[in-house]
Amino acid sequence: MTTDKIFELINHRYEQGAGTIITSNLNLTDFDSTVGARIFSRLGERTAIMRLEGVGSYREKKRERYVAWTREPLEDQGPAER
């Protein structure tokens, strides 16, 4: 999706008074440079920024489960095959 299309979407929702929830792992400076000044400005007009700290990433949790799974011995293998 191009920044023009993203702006059209954000602007349409803005004009309709519809809320938009955006999540990101970027800080504000990086978010601004990523989405562009026009989108960032439009979002900033009606924004409540909520910073979540100490919340584990679902990717980290998924990775932990995967790594644990890869370390489990296979039941049908004998000791020499492990």
C-alpha atoms as a PDB file:
ATOM      1  CA  MET A   1       0.000   0.000   0.000  1.00  0.00           C
ATOM      2  CA  THR A   2       1.422   3.370  -0.964  1.00  0.00           C
ATOM      3  CA  THR A   3       1.566   6.337   1.376  1.00  0.00           C
ATOM      4  CA  ASP A   4      -1.034   8.084  -0.806  1.00  0.00           C
ATOM      5  CA  LYS A   5      -3.500   5.236  -0.240  1.00  0.00           C
ATOM      6  CA  ILE A   6      -2.730   5.148   3.472  1.00  0.00           C
ATOM      7  CA  PHE A   7      -3.343   8.895   3.666  1.00  0.00           C
ATOM      8  CA  GLU A   8      -6.671   8.491   1.808  1.00  0.00           C
ATOM      9  CA  LEU A   9      -7.739   5.857   4.323  1.00  0.00           C
ATOM     10  CA  ILE A  10      -6.636   7.849   7.381  1.00  0.00           C
ATOM     11  CA  ASN A  11      -8.132  11.061   5.995  1.00  0.00           C
ATOM     12  CA  HIS A  12     -11.455   9.381   5.155  1.00  0.00           C
ATOM     13  CA  ARG A  13     -11.720   7.951   8.663  1.00  0.00           C
ATOM     14  CA  TYR A  14     -10.736  11.349  10.096  1.00  0.00           C
ATOM     15  CA  GLU A  15     -13.444  13.158   8.113  1.00  0.00           C
ATOM     16  CA  GLN A  16     -16.053  10.567   9.125  1.00  0.00           C
ATOM     17  CA  GLY A  17     -15.086  10.890  12.787  1.00  0.00           C
ATOM     18  CA  ALA A  18     -14.159   7.215  12.894  1.00  0.00           C
ATOM     19  CA  GLY A  19     -11.495   6.048  15.285  1.00  0.00           C
ATOM     20  CA  THR A  20      -8.391   4.283  14.102  1.00  0.00           C
ATOM     21  CA  ILE A  21      -6.104   2.116  16.191  1.00  0.00           C
ATOM     22  CA  ILE A  22      -2.520   1.850  15.032  1.00  0.00           C
ATOM     23  CA  THR A  23       0.114  -0.235  16.729  1.00  0.00           C
ATOM     24  CA  SER A  24       3.821   0.021  16.144  1.00  0.00           C
ATOM     25  CA  ASN A  25       7.101  -0.916  17.703  1.00  0.00           C
ATOM     26  CA  LEU A  26       8.664   2.302  16.357  1.00  0.00           C
ATOM     27  CA  ASN A  27       9.374   5.378  18.436  1.00  0.00           C
ATOM     28  CA  LEU A  28       7.646   8.596  17.319  1.00  0.00           C
ATOM     29  CA  THR A  29      10.606   9.886  15.307  1.00  0.00           C
ATOM     30  CA  ASP A  30      10.959   6.631  13.378  1.00  0.00           C
ATOM     31  CA  PHE A  31       7.190   6.361  12.917  1.00  0.00           C
ATOM     32  CA  ASP A  32       7.093   9.908  11.506  1.00  0.00           C
ATOM     33  CA  SER A  33       9.846   9.200   8.996  1.00  0.00           C
ATOM     34  CA  THR A  34       8.255   5.863   8.045  1.00  0.00           C
ATOM     35  CA  VAL A  35       4.694   7.052   7.361  1.00  0.00           C
ATOM     36  CA  GLY A  36       5.601  10.550   6.193  1.00  0.00           C
ATOM     37  CA  ALA A  37       4.843  14.000   7.530  1.00  0.00           C
ATOM     38  CA  ARG A  38       1.375  14.271   5.972  1.00  0.00           C
ATOM     39  CA  ILE A  39       0.064  11.050   7.536  1.00  0.00           C
ATOM     40  CA  PHE A  40       1.838  11.702  10.823  1.00  0.00           C
ATOM     41  CA  SER A  41       0.318  15.189  11.011  1.00  0.00           C
ATOM     42  CA  ARG A  42      -3.212  13.899  10.315  1.00  0.00           C
ATOM     43  CA  LEU A  43      -2.855  11.176  12.927  1.00  0.00           C
ATOM     44  CA  GLY A  44      -1.462  13.642  15.441  1.00  0.00           C
ATOM     45  CA  GLU A  45      -4.609  15.770  15.358  1.00  0.00           C
ATOM     46  CA  ARG A  46      -6.663  13.133  17.188  1.00  0.00           C
ATOM     47  CA  THR A  47      -4.210  10.895  18.933  1.00  0.00           C
ATOM     48  CA  ALA A  48      -3.908   9.275  22.303  1.00  0.00           C
ATOM     49  CA  ILE A  49      -0.508   7.634  22.545  1.00  0.00           C
ATOM     50  CA  MET A  50      -0.370   4.650  24.837  1.00  0.00           C
ATOM     51  CA  ARG A  51       3.049   3.292  25.598  1.00  0.00           C
ATOM     52  CA  LEU A  52       3.071  -0.315  26.734  1.00  0.00           C
ATOM     53  CA  GLU A  53       6.162  -1.308  28.615  1.00  0.00           C
ATOM     54  CA  GLY A  54       7.043  -4.617  30.151  1.00  0.00           C
ATOM     55  CA  VAL A  55       4.700  -6.464  27.833  1.00  0.00           C
ATOM     56  CA  GLY A  56       6.364  -9.415  26.185  1.00  0.00           C
ATOM     57  CA  SER A  57       6.282  -9.616  22.429  1.00  0.00           C
ATOM     58  CA  TYR A  58       4.149 -12.380  20.976  1.00  0.00           C
ATOM     59  CA  ARG A  59       7.090 -13.125  18.675  1.00  0.00           C
ATOM     60  CA  GLU A  60       9.373 -13.696  21.649  1.00  0.00           C
ATOM     61  CA  LYS A  61       6.831 -16.023  23.249  1.00  0.00           C
ATOM     62  CA  LYS A  62       6.381 -17.881  19.984  1.00  0.00           C
ATOM     63  CA  ARG A  63      10.141 -18.214  19.591  1.00  0.00           C
ATOM     64  CA  GLU A  64      10.525 -19.526  23.146  1.00  0.00           C
ATOM     65  CA  ARG A  65       7.919 -22.233  22.449  1.00  0.00           C
ATOM     66  CA  TYR A  66       9.579 -23.131  19.172  1.00  0.00           C
ATOM     67  CA  VAL A  67      13.060 -23.310  20.661  1.00  0.00           C
ATOM     68  CA  ALA A  68      11.752 -25.490  23.505  1.00  0.00           C
ATOM     69  CA  TRP A  69      10.036 -27.749  20.973  1.00  0.00           C
ATOM     70  CA  THR A  70      13.227 -28.183  18.942  1.00  0.00           C
ATOM     71  CA  ARG A  71      15.124 -29.279  22.023  1.00  0.00           C
ATOM     72  CA  GLU A  72      12.656 -32.010  22.971  1.00  0.00           C
ATOM     73  CA  PRO A  73      13.934 -35.479  22.054  1.00  0.00           C
ATOM     74  CA  LEU A  74      11.919 -37.354  19.485  1.00  0.00           C
ATOM     75  CA  GLU A  75      10.101 -40.266  21.097  1.00  0.00           C
ATOM     76  CA  ASP A  76      10.675 -42.781  18.316  1.00  0.00           C
ATOM     77  CA  GLN A  77      14.441 -42.266  18.127  1.00  0.00           C
ATOM     78  CA  GLY A  78      16.885 -44.296  20.119  1.00  0.00           C
ATOM     79  CA  PRO A  79      19.818 -42.768  22.012  1.00  0.00           C
ATOM     80  CA  ALA A  80      22.194 -43.159  19.054  1.00  0.00           C
ATOM     81  CA  GLU A  81      19.900 -41.201  16.723  1.00  0.00           C
ATOM     82  CA  ARG A  82      19.501 -38.177  19.014  1.00  0.00           C
END
